[in-house]
Amino acid sequence: MKTFQANGFDSVQPDGWQDRSTLTLVGPVASDGFASNIVVTQQPVDSTTSVTQFAQSQLATLATEVQSLDIADEREVSLNGRKLYQRLHSFTVGQQRVAQVQTYVFAIVDDQRTAFVITGTTSPEAFDAAMPAFKAFIEGFKTQHNDA
């Protein structure tokens, strides 16, 4: 077993188990009652899938799970020499309209090619106010190895 470290704690990671940690940061509640948030997920990805292909497969899944999905923009981008994929979209969940910026990043983690999905979520009304926090988090996102 190896040591598992995250968010100020250590434990053991059982042999054969994968770290699929999810990180959630929550901002203050805006005047519309919505708390903007940033969620980072990770999962293994095979060596033949490009970041664009991965992002498109995620979009196909999202489209089956939400109502009124509108894509405002999507594109490959480069940040700190790394190729990323980014999408701005909005959709309805129940009675709530939400806006998201999703950024897809590949990295090598413990010898495993890993896809990180960074999702900033807010209400459409608070999007412009939340965007600087989303941008700062994405620009500050670093992994131990960039060579994925």
N, C-alpha and C. Protein backbone atom coordinates (compact mmCIF):
# COMPACT_ATOMS: atom_id res chain seq x y z
N MET A 1 0.84 -1.19 0.00
CA MET A 1 0.00 0.00 0.00
C MET A 1 0.88 1.24 0.00
N LYS A 2 0.36 2.27 -0.61
CA LYS A 2 1.09 3.53 -0.62
C LYS A 2 0.34 4.55 0.23
N THR A 3 1.04 5.62 0.55
CA THR A 3 0.43 6.68 1.34
C THR A 3 -0.46 7.53 0.44
N PHE A 4 -1.64 7.81 0.92
CA PHE A 4 -2.58 8.69 0.23
C PHE A 4 -2.58 10.01 0.98
N GLN A 5 -2.32 11.11 0.27
CA GLN A 5 -2.30 12.43 0.88
C GLN A 5 -3.26 13.35 0.15
N ALA A 6 -4.08 14.06 0.92
CA ALA A 6 -5.02 15.00 0.31
C ALA A 6 -5.54 15.96 1.36
N ASN A 7 -5.64 17.21 1.00
CA ASN A 7 -6.33 18.21 1.83
C ASN A 7 -5.96 18.17 3.30
N GLY A 8 -4.67 18.01 3.58
CA GLY A 8 -4.21 18.08 4.96
C GLY A 8 -4.31 16.79 5.74
N PHE A 9 -4.59 15.67 5.10
CA PHE A 9 -4.59 14.40 5.82
C PHE A 9 -3.85 13.34 5.03
N ASP A 10 -3.38 12.33 5.74
CA ASP A 10 -2.72 11.17 5.15
C ASP A 10 -3.46 9.92 5.57
N SER A 11 -3.44 8.92 4.73
CA SER A 11 -3.94 7.60 5.08
C SER A 11 -3.27 6.61 4.14
N VAL A 12 -3.83 5.44 3.99
CA VAL A 12 -3.27 4.48 3.05
C VAL A 12 -4.23 4.33 1.87
N GLN A 13 -3.65 4.06 0.73
CA GLN A 13 -4.44 3.74 -0.46
C GLN A 13 -4.25 2.26 -0.71
N PRO A 14 -5.30 1.47 -0.55
CA PRO A 14 -5.16 0.02 -0.74
C PRO A 14 -4.63 -0.33 -2.13
N ASP A 15 -3.81 -1.36 -2.19
CA ASP A 15 -3.27 -1.83 -3.46
C ASP A 15 -4.40 -2.12 -4.44
N GLY A 16 -4.21 -1.67 -5.68
CA GLY A 16 -5.20 -1.90 -6.72
C GLY A 16 -6.33 -0.90 -6.75
N TRP A 17 -6.39 0.01 -5.78
CA TRP A 17 -7.44 1.02 -5.73
C TRP A 17 -6.96 2.27 -6.45
N GLN A 18 -7.88 2.96 -7.11
CA GLN A 18 -7.57 4.20 -7.82
C GLN A 18 -8.05 5.40 -7.01
N ASP A 19 -7.25 6.45 -7.08
CA ASP A 19 -7.66 7.72 -6.47
C ASP A 19 -8.55 8.44 -7.47
N ARG A 20 -9.81 8.56 -7.15
CA ARG A 20 -10.75 9.33 -7.98
C ARG A 20 -11.33 10.46 -7.13
N SER A 21 -10.45 11.10 -6.39
CA SER A 21 -10.86 12.17 -5.49
C SER A 21 -11.61 13.26 -6.24
N THR A 22 -12.52 13.89 -5.53
CA THR A 22 -13.22 15.06 -6.02
C THR A 22 -12.95 16.19 -5.04
N LEU A 23 -12.56 17.33 -5.57
CA LEU A 23 -12.31 18.51 -4.76
C LEU A 23 -13.43 19.51 -5.04
N THR A 24 -14.00 20.09 -4.00
CA THR A 24 -15.06 21.08 -4.16
C THR A 24 -14.71 22.34 -3.37
N LEU A 25 -14.71 23.47 -4.04
CA LEU A 25 -14.54 24.78 -3.41
C LEU A 25 -15.84 25.55 -3.62
N VAL A 26 -16.35 26.17 -2.57
CA VAL A 26 -17.62 26.87 -2.65
C VAL A 26 -17.41 28.34 -2.30
N GLY A 27 -17.91 29.21 -3.16
CA GLY A 27 -17.81 30.65 -2.94
C GLY A 27 -18.96 31.16 -2.11
N PRO A 28 -18.95 32.46 -1.83
CA PRO A 28 -20.04 33.05 -1.08
C PRO A 28 -21.36 32.98 -1.85
N VAL A 29 -22.44 32.99 -1.13
CA VAL A 29 -23.77 32.99 -1.75
C VAL A 29 -24.01 34.37 -2.35
N ALA A 30 -24.36 34.39 -3.63
CA ALA A 30 -24.63 35.65 -4.33
C ALA A 30 -26.03 36.16 -4.01
N SER A 31 -26.33 37.35 -4.48
CA SER A 31 -27.64 37.96 -4.21
C SER A 31 -28.79 37.14 -4.80
N ASP A 32 -28.50 36.32 -5.81
CA ASP A 32 -29.55 35.47 -6.39
C ASP A 32 -29.72 34.16 -5.63
N GLY A 33 -28.94 33.98 -4.54
CA GLY A 33 -29.07 32.79 -3.71
C GLY A 33 -28.21 31.62 -4.14
N PHE A 34 -27.41 31.77 -5.19
CA PHE A 34 -26.59 30.68 -5.71
C PHE A 34 -25.16 30.84 -5.21
N ALA A 35 -24.57 29.77 -4.72
CA ALA A 35 -23.17 29.78 -4.31
C ALA A 35 -22.33 29.22 -5.46
N SER A 36 -21.55 30.08 -6.09
CA SER A 36 -20.66 29.61 -7.15
C SER A 36 -19.71 28.58 -6.58
N ASN A 37 -19.27 27.64 -7.41
CA ASN A 37 -18.38 26.60 -6.91
C ASN A 37 -17.45 26.12 -8.01
N ILE A 38 -16.36 25.51 -7.56
CA ILE A 38 -15.39 24.87 -8.44
C ILE A 38 -15.26 23.43 -7.99
N VAL A 39 -15.41 22.51 -8.92
CA VAL A 39 -15.27 21.08 -8.62
C VAL A 39 -14.20 20.52 -9.55
N VAL A 40 -13.27 19.75 -8.98
CA VAL A 40 -12.24 19.08 -9.77
C VAL A 40 -12.42 17.58 -9.59
N THR A 41 -12.60 16.89 -10.71
CA THR A 41 -12.68 15.43 -10.69
C THR A 41 -11.50 14.88 -11.48
N GLN A 42 -11.23 13.61 -11.26
CA GLN A 42 -10.15 12.96 -12.00
C GLN A 42 -10.51 11.52 -12.29
N GLN A 43 -10.02 11.04 -13.42
CA GLN A 43 -10.24 9.64 -13.76
C GLN A 43 -9.16 9.19 -14.74
N PRO A 44 -8.83 7.91 -14.72
CA PRO A 44 -7.84 7.40 -15.68
C PRO A 44 -8.37 7.54 -17.11
N VAL A 45 -7.45 7.73 -18.03
CA VAL A 45 -7.81 7.82 -19.45
C VAL A 45 -6.75 7.05 -20.25
N ASP A 46 -7.17 6.40 -21.31
CA ASP A 46 -6.24 5.58 -22.08
C ASP A 46 -5.28 6.45 -22.89
N SER A 47 -4.24 5.84 -23.39
CA SER A 47 -3.17 6.58 -24.07
C SER A 47 -3.55 7.06 -25.47
N THR A 48 -4.66 6.58 -26.01
CA THR A 48 -5.02 6.96 -27.38
C THR A 48 -6.04 8.10 -27.45
N THR A 49 -6.66 8.43 -26.34
CA THR A 49 -7.70 9.47 -26.32
C THR A 49 -7.06 10.84 -26.19
N SER A 50 -7.44 11.76 -27.06
CA SER A 50 -6.95 13.14 -26.96
C SER A 50 -7.82 13.91 -25.97
N VAL A 51 -7.32 15.04 -25.51
CA VAL A 51 -8.10 15.85 -24.58
C VAL A 51 -9.39 16.32 -25.24
N THR A 52 -9.35 16.60 -26.54
CA THR A 52 -10.55 17.02 -27.26
C THR A 52 -11.56 15.88 -27.35
N GLN A 53 -11.10 14.68 -27.67
CA GLN A 53 -12.00 13.53 -27.72
C GLN A 53 -12.64 13.27 -26.36
N PHE A 54 -11.84 13.38 -25.31
CA PHE A 54 -12.37 13.16 -23.96
C PHE A 54 -13.45 14.19 -23.65
N ALA A 55 -13.17 15.46 -23.95
CA ALA A 55 -14.15 16.52 -23.69
C ALA A 55 -15.44 16.29 -24.47
N GLN A 56 -15.33 15.85 -25.71
CA GLN A 56 -16.52 15.58 -26.52
C GLN A 56 -17.33 14.42 -25.95
N SER A 57 -16.65 13.40 -25.43
CA SER A 57 -17.39 12.28 -24.83
C SER A 57 -18.11 12.73 -23.56
N GLN A 58 -17.49 13.63 -22.81
CA GLN A 58 -18.14 14.17 -21.61
C GLN A 58 -19.37 14.99 -21.98
N LEU A 59 -19.28 15.74 -23.07
CA LEU A 59 -20.41 16.54 -23.54
C LEU A 59 -21.58 15.63 -23.93
N ALA A 60 -21.27 14.54 -24.60
CA ALA A 60 -22.34 13.61 -25.01
C ALA A 60 -23.07 13.07 -23.78
N THR A 61 -22.34 12.78 -22.73
CA THR A 61 -22.96 12.30 -21.49
C THR A 61 -23.80 13.41 -20.85
N LEU A 62 -23.23 14.61 -20.75
CA LEU A 62 -23.94 15.74 -20.14
C LEU A 62 -25.26 16.01 -20.87
N ALA A 63 -25.24 15.93 -22.18
CA ALA A 63 -26.43 16.23 -22.98
C ALA A 63 -27.59 15.29 -22.66
N THR A 64 -27.29 14.10 -22.18
CA THR A 64 -28.35 13.15 -21.82
C THR A 64 -28.86 13.36 -20.40
N GLU A 65 -28.15 14.17 -19.61
CA GLU A 65 -28.47 14.31 -18.19
C GLU A 65 -29.14 15.62 -17.81
N VAL A 66 -29.09 16.62 -18.68
CA VAL A 66 -29.62 17.95 -18.34
C VAL A 66 -30.62 18.41 -19.40
N GLN A 67 -31.34 19.48 -19.06
CA GLN A 67 -32.31 20.07 -19.98
C GLN A 67 -31.73 21.34 -20.59
N SER A 68 -32.11 21.62 -21.80
CA SER A 68 -31.81 22.90 -22.46
C SER A 68 -30.33 23.24 -22.44
N LEU A 69 -29.49 22.31 -22.87
CA LEU A 69 -28.05 22.55 -22.92
C LEU A 69 -27.72 23.50 -24.06
N ASP A 70 -27.06 24.61 -23.72
CA ASP A 70 -26.62 25.59 -24.71
C ASP A 70 -25.11 25.74 -24.60
N ILE A 71 -24.40 25.53 -25.70
CA ILE A 71 -22.95 25.69 -25.74
C ILE A 71 -22.65 27.11 -26.21
N ALA A 72 -22.00 27.91 -25.36
CA ALA A 72 -21.65 29.28 -25.74
C ALA A 72 -20.33 29.32 -26.49
N ASP A 73 -19.38 28.45 -26.10
CA ASP A 73 -18.07 28.43 -26.73
C ASP A 73 -17.36 27.14 -26.32
N GLU A 74 -16.55 26.61 -27.21
CA GLU A 74 -15.69 25.49 -26.85
C GLU A 74 -14.51 25.49 -27.79
N ARG A 75 -13.33 25.15 -27.23
CA ARG A 75 -12.11 25.20 -28.03
C ARG A 75 -10.93 24.59 -27.29
N GLU A 76 -9.91 24.22 -28.07
CA GLU A 76 -8.63 23.86 -27.48
C GLU A 76 -7.93 25.16 -27.10
N VAL A 77 -7.27 25.15 -25.96
CA VAL A 77 -6.50 26.30 -25.51
C VAL A 77 -5.15 25.81 -25.00
N SER A 78 -4.21 26.72 -24.88
CA SER A 78 -2.90 26.38 -24.35
C SER A 78 -2.66 27.22 -23.11
N LEU A 79 -2.15 26.59 -22.07
CA LEU A 79 -1.85 27.29 -20.83
C LEU A 79 -0.57 26.71 -20.25
N ASN A 80 0.42 27.56 -20.06
CA ASN A 80 1.71 27.13 -19.51
C ASN A 80 2.30 25.97 -20.32
N GLY A 81 2.15 26.04 -21.64
CA GLY A 81 2.71 25.02 -22.51
C GLY A 81 1.92 23.72 -22.58
N ARG A 82 0.78 23.70 -21.98
CA ARG A 82 -0.04 22.49 -21.92
C ARG A 82 -1.30 22.69 -22.75
N LYS A 83 -1.68 21.67 -23.53
CA LYS A 83 -2.91 21.74 -24.32
C LYS A 83 -4.09 21.35 -23.44
N LEU A 84 -5.09 22.22 -23.40
CA LEU A 84 -6.32 22.00 -22.63
C LEU A 84 -7.51 22.09 -23.58
N TYR A 85 -8.65 21.71 -23.08
CA TYR A 85 -9.88 21.93 -23.82
C TYR A 85 -10.83 22.65 -22.87
N GLN A 86 -11.52 23.66 -23.38
CA GLN A 86 -12.39 24.44 -22.52
C GLN A 86 -13.74 24.65 -23.19
N ARG A 87 -14.79 24.59 -22.35
CA ARG A 87 -16.16 24.76 -22.85
C ARG A 87 -16.92 25.67 -21.89
N LEU A 88 -17.68 26.60 -22.46
CA LEU A 88 -18.63 27.42 -21.70
C LEU A 88 -20.02 26.97 -22.11
N HIS A 89 -20.84 26.61 -21.14
CA HIS A 89 -22.19 26.17 -21.46
C HIS A 89 -23.14 26.49 -20.32
N SER A 90 -24.42 26.37 -20.61
CA SER A 90 -25.45 26.55 -19.59
C SER A 90 -26.53 25.51 -19.82
N PHE A 91 -27.27 25.23 -18.76
CA PHE A 91 -28.35 24.24 -18.84
C PHE A 91 -29.27 24.44 -17.66
N THR A 92 -30.37 23.70 -17.67
CA THR A 92 -31.36 23.79 -16.60
C THR A 92 -31.35 22.50 -15.79
N VAL A 93 -31.37 22.67 -14.47
CA VAL A 93 -31.51 21.55 -13.54
C VAL A 93 -32.72 21.87 -12.68
N GLY A 94 -33.77 21.08 -12.80
CA GLY A 94 -35.01 21.41 -12.10
C GLY A 94 -35.52 22.75 -12.61
N GLN A 95 -35.63 23.71 -11.71
CA GLN A 95 -36.06 25.06 -12.08
C GLN A 95 -34.90 26.04 -12.18
N GLN A 96 -33.67 25.57 -11.92
CA GLN A 96 -32.50 26.45 -11.84
C GLN A 96 -31.69 26.41 -13.14
N ARG A 97 -31.43 27.57 -13.68
CA ARG A 97 -30.52 27.68 -14.82
C ARG A 97 -29.12 27.86 -14.26
N VAL A 98 -28.15 27.11 -14.77
CA VAL A 98 -26.77 27.23 -14.31
C VAL A 98 -25.86 27.46 -15.51
N ALA A 99 -24.75 28.12 -15.25
CA ALA A 99 -23.72 28.36 -16.26
C ALA A 99 -22.43 27.72 -15.77
N GLN A 100 -21.69 27.12 -16.69
CA GLN A 100 -20.44 26.46 -16.31
C GLN A 100 -19.33 26.79 -17.30
N VAL A 101 -18.11 26.81 -16.76
CA VAL A 101 -16.91 26.75 -17.57
C VAL A 101 -16.24 25.44 -17.19
N GLN A 102 -16.00 24.58 -18.17
CA GLN A 102 -15.33 23.31 -17.91
C GLN A 102 -14.00 23.31 -18.64
N THR A 103 -12.97 22.91 -17.91
CA THR A 103 -11.62 22.83 -18.46
C THR A 103 -11.12 21.41 -18.27
N TYR A 104 -10.61 20.83 -19.34
CA TYR A 104 -10.12 19.45 -19.34
C TYR A 104 -8.61 19.46 -19.46
N VAL A 105 -7.93 18.75 -18.57
CA VAL A 105 -6.48 18.72 -18.49
C VAL A 105 -6.04 17.27 -18.34
N PHE A 106 -5.02 16.87 -19.08
CA PHE A 106 -4.44 15.53 -18.92
C PHE A 106 -3.09 15.66 -18.21
N ALA A 107 -2.77 14.69 -17.37
CA ALA A 107 -1.48 14.63 -16.69
C ALA A 107 -1.18 13.18 -16.34
N ILE A 108 0.08 12.91 -16.03
CA ILE A 108 0.48 11.60 -15.53
C ILE A 108 0.47 11.68 -14.00
N VAL A 109 -0.30 10.79 -13.38
CA VAL A 109 -0.37 10.72 -11.92
C VAL A 109 -0.09 9.28 -11.52
N ASP A 110 0.97 9.08 -10.74
CA ASP A 110 1.36 7.72 -10.31
C ASP A 110 1.42 6.77 -11.50
N ASP A 111 2.11 7.19 -12.54
CA ASP A 111 2.31 6.39 -13.75
C ASP A 111 1.02 6.10 -14.52
N GLN A 112 -0.05 6.81 -14.23
CA GLN A 112 -1.33 6.61 -14.91
C GLN A 112 -1.73 7.90 -15.61
N ARG A 113 -2.06 7.81 -16.89
CA ARG A 113 -2.56 8.98 -17.61
C ARG A 113 -3.93 9.31 -17.04
N THR A 114 -4.09 10.55 -16.62
CA THR A 114 -5.27 10.96 -15.86
C THR A 114 -5.90 12.19 -16.49
N ALA A 115 -7.23 12.17 -16.57
CA ALA A 115 -7.99 13.33 -17.03
C ALA A 115 -8.52 14.06 -15.80
N PHE A 116 -8.22 15.34 -15.72
CA PHE A 116 -8.80 16.21 -14.70
C PHE A 116 -9.86 17.06 -15.38
N VAL A 117 -11.01 17.18 -14.74
CA VAL A 117 -12.07 18.05 -15.24
C VAL A 117 -12.31 19.10 -14.16
N ILE A 118 -12.04 20.36 -14.51
CA ILE A 118 -12.24 21.49 -13.60
C ILE A 118 -13.52 22.18 -14.04
N THR A 119 -14.51 22.20 -13.16
CA THR A 119 -15.82 22.77 -13.50
C THR A 119 -16.15 23.92 -12.57
N GLY A 120 -16.29 25.10 -13.13
CA GLY A 120 -16.77 26.26 -12.39
C GLY A 120 -18.25 26.43 -12.69
N THR A 121 -19.08 26.44 -11.65
CA THR A 121 -20.53 26.52 -11.81
C THR A 121 -21.07 27.73 -11.07
N THR A 122 -21.99 28.43 -11.70
CA THR A 122 -22.63 29.59 -11.09
C THR A 122 -23.98 29.82 -11.78
N SER A 123 -24.70 30.80 -11.31
CA SER A 123 -25.93 31.18 -12.01
C SER A 123 -25.53 32.07 -13.19
N PRO A 124 -26.34 32.12 -14.23
CA PRO A 124 -26.02 33.01 -15.35
C PRO A 124 -25.87 34.47 -14.90
N GLU A 125 -26.66 34.89 -13.93
CA GLU A 125 -26.60 36.28 -13.44
C GLU A 125 -25.28 36.58 -12.75
N ALA A 126 -24.67 35.59 -12.13
CA ALA A 126 -23.43 35.80 -11.38
C ALA A 126 -22.19 35.38 -12.17
N PHE A 127 -22.37 34.97 -13.43
CA PHE A 127 -21.25 34.43 -14.21
C PHE A 127 -20.10 35.42 -14.32
N ASP A 128 -20.36 36.65 -14.71
CA ASP A 128 -19.29 37.63 -14.88
C ASP A 128 -18.55 37.88 -13.57
N ALA A 129 -19.26 37.89 -12.45
CA ALA A 129 -18.63 38.11 -11.16
C ALA A 129 -17.80 36.90 -10.71
N ALA A 130 -18.23 35.70 -11.08
CA ALA A 130 -17.52 34.48 -10.67
C ALA A 130 -16.34 34.15 -11.59
N MET A 131 -16.35 34.65 -12.81
CA MET A 131 -15.34 34.28 -13.79
C MET A 131 -13.90 34.57 -13.33
N PRO A 132 -13.59 35.69 -12.67
CA PRO A 132 -12.21 35.89 -12.22
C PRO A 132 -11.72 34.79 -11.26
N ALA A 133 -12.59 34.30 -10.39
CA ALA A 133 -12.20 33.21 -9.49
C ALA A 133 -11.97 31.93 -10.29
N PHE A 134 -12.85 31.64 -11.24
CA PHE A 134 -12.68 30.45 -12.08
C PHE A 134 -11.36 30.54 -12.86
N LYS A 135 -11.12 31.71 -13.45
CA LYS A 135 -9.91 31.90 -14.25
C LYS A 135 -8.66 31.75 -13.40
N ALA A 136 -8.65 32.33 -12.21
CA ALA A 136 -7.49 32.24 -11.33
C ALA A 136 -7.21 30.79 -10.94
N PHE A 137 -8.26 30.03 -10.65
CA PHE A 137 -8.08 28.63 -10.28
C PHE A 137 -7.49 27.84 -11.45
N ILE A 138 -8.05 28.03 -12.64
CA ILE A 138 -7.57 27.30 -13.82
C ILE A 138 -6.12 27.67 -14.12
N GLU A 139 -5.80 28.96 -14.09
CA GLU A 139 -4.43 29.39 -14.38
C GLU A 139 -3.45 28.92 -13.32
N GLY A 140 -3.91 28.72 -12.10
CA GLY A 140 -3.04 28.26 -11.02
C GLY A 140 -2.97 26.75 -10.89
N PHE A 141 -3.74 26.02 -11.68
CA PHE A 141 -3.80 24.56 -11.57
C PHE A 141 -2.51 23.95 -12.09
N LYS A 142 -1.83 23.18 -11.23
CA LYS A 142 -0.59 22.53 -11.60
C LYS A 142 -0.63 21.08 -11.13
N THR A 143 -0.05 20.22 -11.92
CA THR A 143 0.08 18.82 -11.54
C THR A 143 1.57 18.51 -11.45
N GLN A 144 1.89 17.37 -10.85
CA GLN A 144 3.30 17.00 -10.70
C GLN A 144 3.97 16.75 -12.03
N HIS A 145 3.24 16.17 -12.99
CA HIS A 145 3.80 15.86 -14.30
C HIS A 145 2.85 16.37 -15.37
N ASN A 146 3.41 17.05 -16.36
CA ASN A 146 2.59 17.61 -17.43
C ASN A 146 2.61 16.77 -18.70
N ASP A 147 3.35 15.71 -18.72
CA ASP A 147 3.63 15.00 -19.97
C ASP A 147 2.61 13.91 -20.28
N ALA A 148 1.35 14.28 -20.39
CA ALA A 148 0.32 13.30 -20.73
C ALA A 148 -0.17 13.54 -22.12
